[in-house]
Amino acid sequence: MKKLLLLLLVVVSMDAMSQGRKIDFTEYDLDNGLHVILHQDNSTPIVTVSVLYHVGSKNEPPGRTGFAHFFEHLMFEGSPNIGRGEYFKIIQAAGGQLNANTSNDRTYYFQTLPSNQLELGLYMESERMLHAKIDSAGIATQKEVVKEEKRQRIDNRPYGSILENMFKNAFKGTSYEWTPIGSFADIDAATEQDFVDFYETFYVPNNATLTIAGDIDEAQAKRLIEKYFGEIKRGTKEIPRPTIEVPKFDDEVRETVFDNIQLPAVVQAYRIPEQGTPDSYALQMLTTLLSGGQSARFQKSIVDEQQLAVLVQAFPLTLEDGGLFGFFGVTNLGTSPEDLEASIEVELERVKNELISEKEFQKLQNQIENQFVSQNGSIQGLAQNLANYHVYFGSADLVNTELERYRKVTRDDIQRVAKQYLTKDNRVVLTYLSKSAQKQPDSETLKKEGN
């Protein structure tokens, strides 16, 4: 019953967001460089404790890919004071839930607990930052966990390699070339000292943001933060921040991928500017225009009316130093990938050549506002967004003002960014076909190769 109550409370929208009121928060730095953000909301008896480490797959050098994601798992191995495998059990026994995720740019951990367990959440996160357990036993265990995750999410999942192939082609020669899952070979080749070095470089207070949101007393929270994090020493190693610079394509990049699938698929990925730029907001709105619901253009035209596809989706992958604007379409029975690609092109040309109507634009603005409010409509979501805004943009107050950036986007802006970025010489096109369609060498070719 206790856990059920917590789960229900987590998804309840906060009054402040539903009524459009300003979200108040306090932020400051500890002497060791840890940035702290506090948001007090006493409407429900829950609290989220989160720590964002500014390290993702982008920070990995060639030959050491997959480290950031691997540490997302390794950091649950415990500490001198937390037994191996006990991290989840301790939080769940207190009525909480926890998880973590890794992107190209950062690694994020969070725990949502009954508010009377705030001190436990801070203790657990401080143990992770102060002296996480990094040894051969834990490394061996997590290697198998990560390998199984890759098998389930990528290797044995239809179309599972899409992101890997998109980034490989779009960001070749940069550390955005690989996705967070990285390479098994790199992880297997690493020594225990390599993992210790990574931990001592990135898992330090001056590379972290601690965010607490929910039913707290701010003064008490500050005392507890000092108690559990104040003693942790500032990191002394230089934190690598690679610059992502990719040359322009001479022409579009195309690749055919043979996969364990039943229906062919078409994927397009266009390189776009980093998150937070004016154009990135216009591109976000363009995404919603094309595939934001059952009445969006892709769904209405390509799926419902022409019945050329089972689904067609647009998705922007906005990153700290660039990004991709992607389309993913799965063909209907009897439809060729070429026909589906042509239908997508028609819709893109329509956006480029025709200004969207005022009525459609108003609907688009309403959808964007609803999405924005929903993202901050839970304690968990708000904690994560406050941390992201601080780390990526240098201003947690964007939680109150970013919507204005969307409102500044005009119909002309949407048309302009479509013309500027959705061009053939700025894209990667992947065609996914069934492995059964892969041409097999004939017997004469095999005979010659054998000789």
Protein backbone atom coordinates (compact mmCIF):
# COMPACT_ATOMS: atom_id res chain seq x y z
CA MET A 1 0.00 0.00 0.00
CA LYS A 2 2.85 2.36 0.82
CA LYS A 3 4.47 1.83 -2.56
CA LEU A 4 1.17 2.18 -4.40
CA LEU A 5 0.51 5.48 -2.66
CA LEU A 6 3.94 6.76 -3.65
CA LEU A 7 3.45 5.80 -7.29
CA LEU A 8 0.12 7.61 -7.39
CA LEU A 9 1.60 10.72 -5.83
CA VAL A 10 4.51 10.84 -8.27
CA VAL A 11 2.24 11.27 -11.28
CA VAL A 12 -0.03 13.88 -9.73
CA SER A 13 0.47 17.21 -11.46
CA MET A 14 1.66 19.95 -9.21
CA ASP A 15 -0.69 22.83 -8.52
CA ALA A 16 1.95 25.36 -9.43
CA MET A 17 2.26 23.99 -12.95
CA SER A 18 -1.41 23.35 -13.59
CA GLN A 19 -2.25 26.91 -12.64
CA GLY A 20 0.69 28.39 -14.53
CA ARG A 21 2.34 29.89 -11.48
CA LYS A 22 6.03 30.63 -11.25
CA ILE A 23 8.17 27.76 -9.97
CA ASP A 24 10.32 29.00 -7.11
CA PHE A 25 13.68 27.43 -6.36
CA THR A 26 16.92 28.16 -4.56
CA GLU A 27 20.37 27.38 -5.94
CA TYR A 28 23.88 27.71 -4.57
CA ASP A 29 27.31 26.05 -4.65
CA LEU A 30 29.14 24.16 -1.93
CA ASP A 31 32.82 24.92 -1.40
CA ASN A 32 33.73 21.74 -3.29
CA GLY A 33 31.91 22.94 -6.43
CA LEU A 34 28.71 20.91 -6.08
CA HIS A 35 25.81 22.91 -7.50
CA VAL A 36 22.60 22.58 -5.50
CA ILE A 37 19.04 23.35 -6.63
CA LEU A 38 16.13 23.17 -4.16
CA HIS A 39 12.43 23.38 -4.99
CA GLN A 40 9.99 23.23 -2.09
CA ASP A 41 6.49 21.96 -2.81
CA ASN A 42 4.63 20.70 0.25
CA SER A 43 1.46 19.72 -1.59
CA THR A 44 2.28 15.99 -1.50
CA PRO A 45 4.51 14.07 0.96
CA ILE A 46 7.16 12.98 -1.55
CA VAL A 47 10.61 14.18 -2.53
CA THR A 48 12.94 13.51 -5.44
CA VAL A 49 16.68 13.53 -4.83
CA SER A 50 18.70 13.57 -8.03
CA VAL A 51 22.29 14.02 -9.14
CA LEU A 52 23.30 14.92 -12.68
CA TYR A 53 26.91 14.26 -13.65
CA HIS A 54 28.01 16.23 -16.67
CA VAL A 55 29.46 13.23 -18.47
CA GLY A 56 28.07 11.24 -21.37
CA SER A 57 29.34 9.26 -24.30
CA LYS A 58 30.62 12.51 -25.84
CA ASN A 59 33.32 12.64 -23.15
CA GLU A 60 34.74 9.23 -24.07
CA PRO A 61 37.87 9.01 -26.21
CA PRO A 62 38.07 6.47 -29.04
CA GLY A 63 38.86 3.07 -27.59
CA ARG A 64 36.96 3.80 -24.39
CA THR A 65 33.41 4.00 -25.67
CA GLY A 66 30.55 2.89 -23.45
CA PHE A 67 32.17 4.04 -20.20
CA ALA A 68 29.51 6.62 -19.27
CA HIS A 69 26.69 4.13 -19.72
CA PHE A 70 28.65 1.39 -17.99
CA PHE A 71 29.05 3.63 -14.94
CA GLU A 72 25.31 4.20 -14.84
CA HIS A 73 25.13 0.51 -13.89
CA LEU A 74 28.36 0.28 -11.90
CA MET A 75 27.29 3.06 -9.54
CA PHE A 76 24.64 0.76 -8.04
CA GLU A 77 27.27 -1.74 -6.88
CA GLY A 78 27.45 -0.11 -3.46
CA SER A 79 30.17 1.40 -1.29
CA PRO A 80 32.13 0.51 1.87
CA ASN A 81 28.90 1.18 3.77
CA ILE A 82 26.37 -0.26 1.30
CA GLY A 83 26.60 -3.95 0.50
CA ARG A 84 26.83 -5.21 -3.04
CA GLY A 85 23.38 -5.44 -4.57
CA GLU A 86 21.76 -3.60 -1.63
CA TYR A 87 21.28 -0.17 -3.20
CA PHE A 88 17.91 -0.92 -4.80
CA LYS A 89 16.72 -2.93 -1.82
CA ILE A 90 17.38 -0.11 0.65
CA ILE A 91 15.48 2.51 -1.35
CA GLN A 92 12.58 0.21 -2.17
CA ALA A 93 12.28 -0.92 1.45
CA ALA A 94 11.82 2.75 2.38
CA GLY A 95 8.89 3.02 -0.06
CA GLY A 96 10.90 4.68 -2.81
CA GLN A 97 11.71 4.15 -6.43
CA LEU A 98 14.94 4.91 -8.27
CA ASN A 99 16.56 4.78 -11.66
CA ALA A 100 19.23 6.32 -13.86
CA ASN A 101 19.83 7.14 -17.51
CA THR A 102 22.71 8.13 -19.74
CA SER A 103 22.76 10.33 -22.83
CA ASN A 104 25.48 11.60 -25.13
CA ASP A 105 25.99 14.56 -22.78
CA ARG A 106 25.19 13.57 -19.20
CA THR A 107 24.39 10.79 -16.68
CA TYR A 108 21.43 11.24 -14.36
CA TYR A 109 20.44 9.41 -11.15
CA PHE A 110 17.24 9.95 -9.16
CA GLN A 111 15.35 8.57 -6.19
CA THR A 112 11.77 9.47 -5.29
CA LEU A 113 10.90 8.79 -1.67
CA PRO A 114 8.38 9.60 1.04
CA SER A 115 9.50 13.01 2.25
CA ASN A 116 10.45 11.69 5.70
CA GLN A 117 13.17 9.70 3.91
CA LEU A 118 14.99 12.72 2.49
CA GLU A 119 18.06 12.04 4.60
CA LEU A 120 18.27 8.49 3.30
CA GLY A 121 18.22 9.72 -0.30
CA LEU A 122 21.02 12.20 0.38
CA TYR A 123 23.08 9.60 2.21
CA MET A 124 22.77 7.13 -0.67
CA GLU A 125 23.78 9.65 -3.32
CA SER A 126 26.68 10.93 -1.22
CA GLU A 127 28.00 7.38 -0.83
CA ARG A 128 27.98 7.06 -4.61
CA MET A 129 29.93 10.28 -5.03
CA LEU A 130 32.32 9.83 -2.11
CA HIS A 131 33.53 6.26 -2.50
CA ALA A 132 31.59 4.06 -4.88
CA LYS A 133 32.68 0.44 -5.03
CA ILE A 134 34.79 -0.09 -8.15
CA ASP A 135 36.39 -3.52 -8.14
CA SER A 136 36.83 -6.54 -10.38
CA ALA A 137 33.75 -8.33 -9.03
CA GLY A 138 31.41 -5.43 -9.71
CA ILE A 139 32.97 -4.72 -13.09
CA ALA A 140 32.53 -8.35 -14.17
CA THR A 141 28.91 -8.39 -13.01
CA GLN A 142 27.97 -5.19 -14.78
CA LYS A 143 29.70 -6.21 -17.98
CA GLU A 144 27.22 -9.04 -18.32
CA VAL A 145 24.31 -6.76 -17.40
CA VAL A 146 25.25 -4.22 -20.06
CA LYS A 147 25.82 -6.90 -22.69
CA GLU A 148 22.40 -8.36 -22.02
CA GLU A 149 20.86 -4.90 -22.23
CA LYS A 150 22.44 -4.36 -25.65
CA ARG A 151 21.22 -7.74 -26.86
CA GLN A 152 17.67 -6.95 -25.78
CA ARG A 153 17.48 -3.31 -26.83
CA ILE A 154 19.58 -3.29 -29.99
CA ASP A 155 20.88 -6.60 -31.34
CA ASN A 156 17.67 -8.64 -31.03
CA ARG A 157 15.17 -5.82 -31.44
CA PRO A 158 13.72 -5.01 -34.87
CA TYR A 159 15.16 -1.72 -36.15
CA GLY A 160 17.18 -1.56 -32.92
CA SER A 161 20.34 -0.30 -34.59
CA ILE A 162 18.76 2.85 -36.03
CA LEU A 163 20.38 5.30 -33.61
CA GLU A 164 23.78 3.63 -33.90
CA ASN A 165 23.68 3.89 -37.68
CA MET A 166 22.34 7.44 -37.66
CA PHE A 167 25.07 8.76 -35.37
CA LYS A 168 27.80 6.72 -37.04
CA ASN A 169 27.07 8.32 -40.39
CA ALA A 170 26.06 11.81 -39.29
CA PHE A 171 28.89 12.52 -36.81
CA LYS A 172 31.75 10.48 -38.22
CA GLY A 173 35.11 11.56 -36.80
CA THR A 174 33.67 13.07 -33.61
CA SER A 175 32.76 11.68 -30.20
CA TYR A 176 29.08 11.90 -31.16
CA GLU A 177 29.84 9.12 -33.64
CA TRP A 178 28.99 6.44 -31.07
CA THR A 179 25.91 6.11 -28.90
CA PRO A 180 26.01 5.67 -25.09
CA ILE A 181 25.85 1.88 -25.29
CA GLY A 182 29.37 1.97 -26.75
CA SER A 183 31.49 -1.00 -27.66
CA PHE A 184 31.76 -4.31 -25.82
CA ALA A 185 35.31 -4.63 -27.06
CA ASP A 186 36.27 -1.33 -25.45
CA ILE A 187 34.71 -2.26 -22.12
CA ASP A 188 36.27 -5.73 -22.15
CA ALA A 189 39.70 -4.29 -22.95
CA ALA A 190 39.61 -1.77 -20.11
CA THR A 191 41.50 -2.37 -16.88
CA GLU A 192 40.25 -1.78 -13.37
CA GLN A 193 42.47 1.30 -13.21
CA ASP A 194 40.80 2.68 -16.35
CA PHE A 195 37.47 2.58 -14.54
CA VAL A 196 38.95 4.17 -11.40
CA ASP A 197 40.43 6.98 -13.52
CA PHE A 198 37.06 7.63 -15.16
CA TYR A 199 35.37 7.76 -11.76
CA GLU A 200 37.95 10.14 -10.30
CA THR A 201 37.68 12.42 -13.33
CA PHE A 202 33.92 12.72 -13.75
CA TYR A 203 32.21 11.58 -10.53
CA VAL A 204 33.31 14.59 -8.54
CA PRO A 205 31.23 17.34 -6.90
CA ASN A 206 32.51 20.05 -9.25
CA ASN A 207 31.07 18.06 -12.17
CA ALA A 208 27.69 17.40 -10.53
CA THR A 209 24.35 19.08 -9.88
CA LEU A 210 22.27 17.96 -6.90
CA THR A 211 18.57 18.74 -7.25
CA ILE A 212 15.95 18.19 -4.56
CA ALA A 213 12.30 18.80 -5.36
CA GLY A 214 9.23 18.15 -3.27
CA ASP A 215 8.03 18.18 0.31
CA ILE A 216 11.05 19.64 2.09
CA ASP A 217 11.95 22.27 4.62
CA GLU A 218 14.62 24.26 2.82
CA ALA A 219 16.70 25.08 5.90
CA GLN A 220 16.73 21.46 7.02
CA ALA A 221 17.61 20.29 3.51
CA LYS A 222 20.60 22.63 3.42
CA ARG A 223 21.88 21.26 6.72
CA LEU A 224 21.58 17.69 5.47
CA ILE A 225 23.30 18.54 2.19
CA GLU A 226 26.25 20.01 4.05
CA LYS A 227 26.33 16.99 6.34
CA TYR A 228 26.52 14.42 3.54
CA PHE A 229 28.22 16.28 0.69
CA GLY A 230 30.30 18.99 2.35
CA GLU A 231 33.16 16.61 3.21
CA ILE A 232 33.57 15.28 -0.34
CA LYS A 233 36.71 16.70 -1.90
CA ARG A 234 36.69 18.66 -5.10
CA GLY A 235 38.00 16.76 -8.14
CA THR A 236 41.49 17.71 -9.25
CA LYS A 237 41.69 16.12 -12.69
CA GLU A 238 40.93 18.07 -15.85
CA ILE A 239 37.46 17.25 -17.16
CA PRO A 240 37.60 16.78 -20.94
CA ARG A 241 35.02 18.77 -22.92
CA PRO A 242 35.44 17.77 -26.58
CA THR A 243 34.30 20.16 -29.29
CA ILE A 244 32.02 18.65 -31.91
CA GLU A 245 32.87 19.96 -35.36
CA VAL A 246 31.60 18.07 -38.38
CA PRO A 247 32.34 19.02 -42.00
CA LYS A 248 29.49 19.53 -44.42
CA PHE A 249 28.44 16.56 -46.49
CA ASP A 250 29.31 16.67 -50.19
CA ASP A 251 26.04 14.87 -50.80
CA GLU A 252 23.53 12.82 -48.87
CA VAL A 253 24.87 9.71 -47.12
CA ARG A 254 22.98 6.48 -47.81
CA GLU A 255 23.24 3.04 -46.28
CA THR A 256 21.19 -0.13 -46.60
CA VAL A 257 20.84 -2.15 -43.40
CA PHE A 258 19.72 -5.78 -43.42
CA ASP A 259 17.91 -6.62 -40.20
CA ASN A 260 15.65 -9.23 -38.63
CA ILE A 261 12.47 -7.42 -39.67
CA GLN A 262 9.28 -8.21 -41.52
CA LEU A 263 8.53 -4.80 -43.03
CA PRO A 264 11.07 -2.46 -44.65
CA ALA A 265 11.69 0.93 -43.10
CA VAL A 266 13.05 4.30 -44.14
CA VAL A 267 15.08 6.51 -41.81
CA GLN A 268 16.22 10.05 -42.51
CA ALA A 269 18.46 12.13 -40.23
CA TYR A 270 19.30 15.78 -40.82
CA ARG A 271 22.01 17.57 -38.84
CA ILE A 272 20.66 20.50 -36.82
CA PRO A 273 22.09 23.10 -34.40
CA GLU A 274 22.49 22.51 -30.67
CA GLN A 275 19.66 22.75 -28.18
CA GLY A 276 18.69 26.19 -26.95
CA THR A 277 19.22 28.04 -30.22
CA PRO A 278 16.22 29.86 -31.74
CA ASP A 279 16.21 27.42 -34.66
CA SER A 280 16.07 24.43 -32.32
CA TYR A 281 12.71 25.64 -30.98
CA ALA A 282 11.34 26.09 -34.49
CA LEU A 283 12.48 22.57 -35.34
CA GLN A 284 10.78 21.20 -32.23
CA MET A 285 7.55 22.80 -33.40
CA LEU A 286 8.07 21.38 -36.88
CA THR A 287 8.32 17.93 -35.31
CA THR A 288 4.92 18.37 -33.68
CA LEU A 289 3.44 19.64 -36.93
CA LEU A 290 4.57 16.51 -38.78
CA SER A 291 3.91 13.79 -36.21
CA GLY A 292 2.38 15.27 -33.08
CA GLY A 293 -0.74 13.13 -32.78
CA GLN A 294 -3.36 11.40 -34.89
CA SER A 295 -4.18 14.53 -36.89
CA ALA A 296 -0.54 15.42 -37.65
CA ARG A 297 0.51 15.59 -41.28
CA PHE A 298 2.46 12.33 -41.52
CA GLN A 299 -0.25 10.32 -39.83
CA LYS A 300 -3.12 11.90 -41.72
CA SER A 301 -1.60 11.80 -45.20
CA ILE A 302 0.87 8.91 -45.37
CA VAL A 303 -0.68 6.47 -42.90
CA ASP A 304 -4.43 7.15 -43.01
CA GLU A 305 -5.12 8.49 -46.49
CA GLN A 306 -2.44 6.89 -48.68
CA GLN A 307 -1.96 3.84 -46.44
CA LEU A 308 1.69 3.63 -47.46
CA ALA A 309 3.02 3.11 -43.95
CA VAL A 310 2.21 1.45 -40.67
CA LEU A 311 3.71 4.47 -38.95
CA VAL A 312 5.78 7.55 -39.74
CA GLN A 313 7.31 9.58 -36.95
CA ALA A 314 9.47 12.67 -36.71
CA PHE A 315 11.84 13.03 -33.78
CA PRO A 316 14.41 15.72 -32.98
CA LEU A 317 17.48 14.57 -31.07
CA THR A 318 18.76 17.84 -29.66
CA LEU A 319 22.18 17.62 -28.05
CA GLU A 320 24.58 19.92 -26.25
CA ASP A 321 26.73 20.44 -29.36
CA GLY A 322 24.43 19.69 -32.26
CA GLY A 323 21.70 17.24 -33.00
CA LEU A 324 19.67 15.31 -35.53
CA PHE A 325 16.19 15.82 -36.92
CA GLY A 326 14.98 12.34 -37.76
CA PHE A 327 12.15 10.56 -39.55
CA PHE A 328 11.31 6.89 -39.13
CA GLY A 329 8.75 5.18 -41.30
CA VAL A 330 7.74 1.52 -41.53
CA THR A 331 6.16 0.51 -44.83
CA ASN A 332 2.75 -1.02 -45.18
CA LEU A 333 2.37 -4.41 -46.87
CA GLY A 334 3.01 -4.02 -50.57
CA THR A 335 4.71 -0.62 -50.23
CA SER A 336 8.32 -0.23 -51.29
CA PRO A 337 10.81 1.84 -49.28
CA GLU A 338 11.19 4.07 -52.35
CA ASP A 339 7.46 4.87 -52.38
CA LEU A 340 7.45 5.64 -48.66
CA GLU A 341 10.50 7.87 -48.99
CA ALA A 342 8.86 9.72 -51.88
CA SER A 343 5.71 10.34 -49.81
CA ILE A 344 7.81 11.76 -46.95
CA GLU A 345 9.56 14.05 -49.44
CA VAL A 346 6.19 15.37 -50.64
CA GLU A 347 5.25 16.37 -47.10
CA LEU A 348 8.61 18.03 -46.52
CA GLU A 349 8.30 20.00 -49.74
CA ARG A 350 4.85 21.09 -48.66
CA VAL A 351 6.26 22.56 -45.43
CA LYS A 352 9.02 24.30 -47.37
CA ASN A 353 6.76 25.80 -50.01
CA GLU A 354 3.52 26.52 -48.15
CA LEU A 355 3.17 28.65 -45.04
CA ILE A 356 1.10 26.75 -42.49
CA SER A 357 -2.33 28.22 -41.77
CA GLU A 358 -3.09 30.36 -38.75
CA LYS A 359 -5.50 27.70 -37.51
CA GLU A 360 -2.88 24.94 -37.74
CA PHE A 361 -0.30 27.21 -36.12
CA GLN A 362 -2.59 27.96 -33.19
CA LYS A 363 -3.18 24.25 -32.66
CA LEU A 364 0.58 23.71 -32.79
CA GLN A 365 1.19 26.37 -30.14
CA ASN A 366 -1.41 24.75 -27.88
CA GLN A 367 0.25 21.35 -28.26
CA ILE A 368 3.69 22.76 -27.44
CA GLU A 369 2.40 24.55 -24.35
CA ASN A 370 0.67 21.39 -23.15
CA GLN A 371 3.86 19.35 -23.68
CA PHE A 372 5.92 21.92 -21.80
CA VAL A 373 3.59 21.97 -18.80
CA SER A 374 3.38 18.16 -18.77
CA GLN A 375 7.16 17.82 -18.63
CA ASN A 376 7.19 19.78 -15.37
CA GLY A 377 3.99 18.21 -14.08
CA SER A 378 5.62 15.78 -11.66
CA ILE A 379 8.25 16.11 -8.97
CA GLN A 380 10.52 13.75 -10.90
CA GLY A 381 10.17 15.64 -14.17
CA LEU A 382 10.72 19.01 -12.54
CA ALA A 383 13.86 17.87 -10.71
CA GLN A 384 15.38 16.61 -13.94
CA ASN A 385 14.48 19.71 -15.92
CA LEU A 386 15.92 22.07 -13.31
CA ALA A 387 19.22 20.16 -13.48
CA ASN A 388 19.21 20.07 -17.28
CA TYR A 389 18.52 23.79 -17.60
CA HIS A 390 21.36 24.63 -15.25
CA VAL A 391 23.91 22.33 -16.88
CA TYR A 392 23.06 22.89 -20.53
CA PHE A 393 21.97 26.53 -20.50
CA GLY A 394 23.46 27.95 -17.31
CA SER A 395 20.03 29.01 -16.06
CA ALA A 396 17.65 26.83 -14.10
CA ASP A 397 15.10 29.64 -14.43
CA LEU A 398 14.35 28.46 -17.95
CA VAL A 399 11.84 26.21 -16.20
CA ASN A 400 9.77 29.41 -15.96
CA THR A 401 10.76 31.19 -19.16
CA GLU A 402 11.56 28.64 -21.87
CA LEU A 403 7.96 28.55 -23.05
CA GLU A 404 8.42 32.16 -24.17
CA ARG A 405 11.12 30.96 -26.58
CA TYR A 406 8.57 28.68 -28.23
CA ARG A 407 6.05 31.51 -28.36
CA LYS A 408 8.52 33.65 -30.30
CA VAL A 409 8.62 31.11 -33.13
CA THR A 410 6.59 32.29 -36.12
CA ARG A 411 5.02 30.48 -39.06
CA ASP A 412 7.80 31.93 -41.21
CA ASP A 413 10.42 30.48 -38.85
CA ILE A 414 9.00 26.98 -39.25
CA GLN A 415 9.07 27.28 -43.02
CA ARG A 416 12.57 28.75 -42.94
CA VAL A 417 14.17 26.01 -40.81
CA ALA A 418 12.59 23.36 -43.02
CA LYS A 419 14.20 24.96 -46.04
CA GLN A 420 17.52 25.53 -44.29
CA TYR A 421 18.12 22.16 -42.62
CA LEU A 422 15.97 19.54 -44.37
CA THR A 423 18.11 19.37 -47.49
CA LYS A 424 19.55 16.34 -49.25
CA ASP A 425 23.16 17.48 -48.78
CA ASN A 426 22.60 17.61 -45.00
CA ARG A 427 21.17 14.18 -44.37
CA VAL A 428 21.73 10.50 -43.77
CA VAL A 429 19.23 8.06 -45.30
CA LEU A 430 18.99 4.49 -44.01
CA THR A 431 16.93 1.85 -45.76
CA TYR A 432 16.09 -1.14 -43.56
CA LEU A 433 15.42 -4.40 -45.38
CA SER A 434 14.82 -7.94 -44.20
CA LYS A 435 17.87 -10.18 -44.06
CA SER A 436 16.02 -12.48 -46.45
CA ALA A 437 16.35 -9.75 -49.10
CA GLN A 438 20.14 -9.70 -48.77
CA LYS A 439 21.74 -11.03 -51.92
CA GLN A 440 23.53 -14.31 -51.31
CA PRO A 441 26.62 -15.24 -53.33
CA ASP A 442 25.93 -17.88 -55.96
CA SER A 443 27.67 -21.27 -56.00
CA GLU A 444 30.23 -20.21 -58.61
CA THR A 445 31.31 -17.21 -56.52
CA LEU A 446 31.65 -19.42 -53.44
CA LYS A 447 33.69 -21.92 -55.43
CA LYS A 448 36.07 -19.23 -56.68
CA GLU A 449 36.48 -17.78 -53.15
CA GLY A 450 37.21 -21.25 -51.86
CA ASN A 451 40.01 -21.66 -54.36
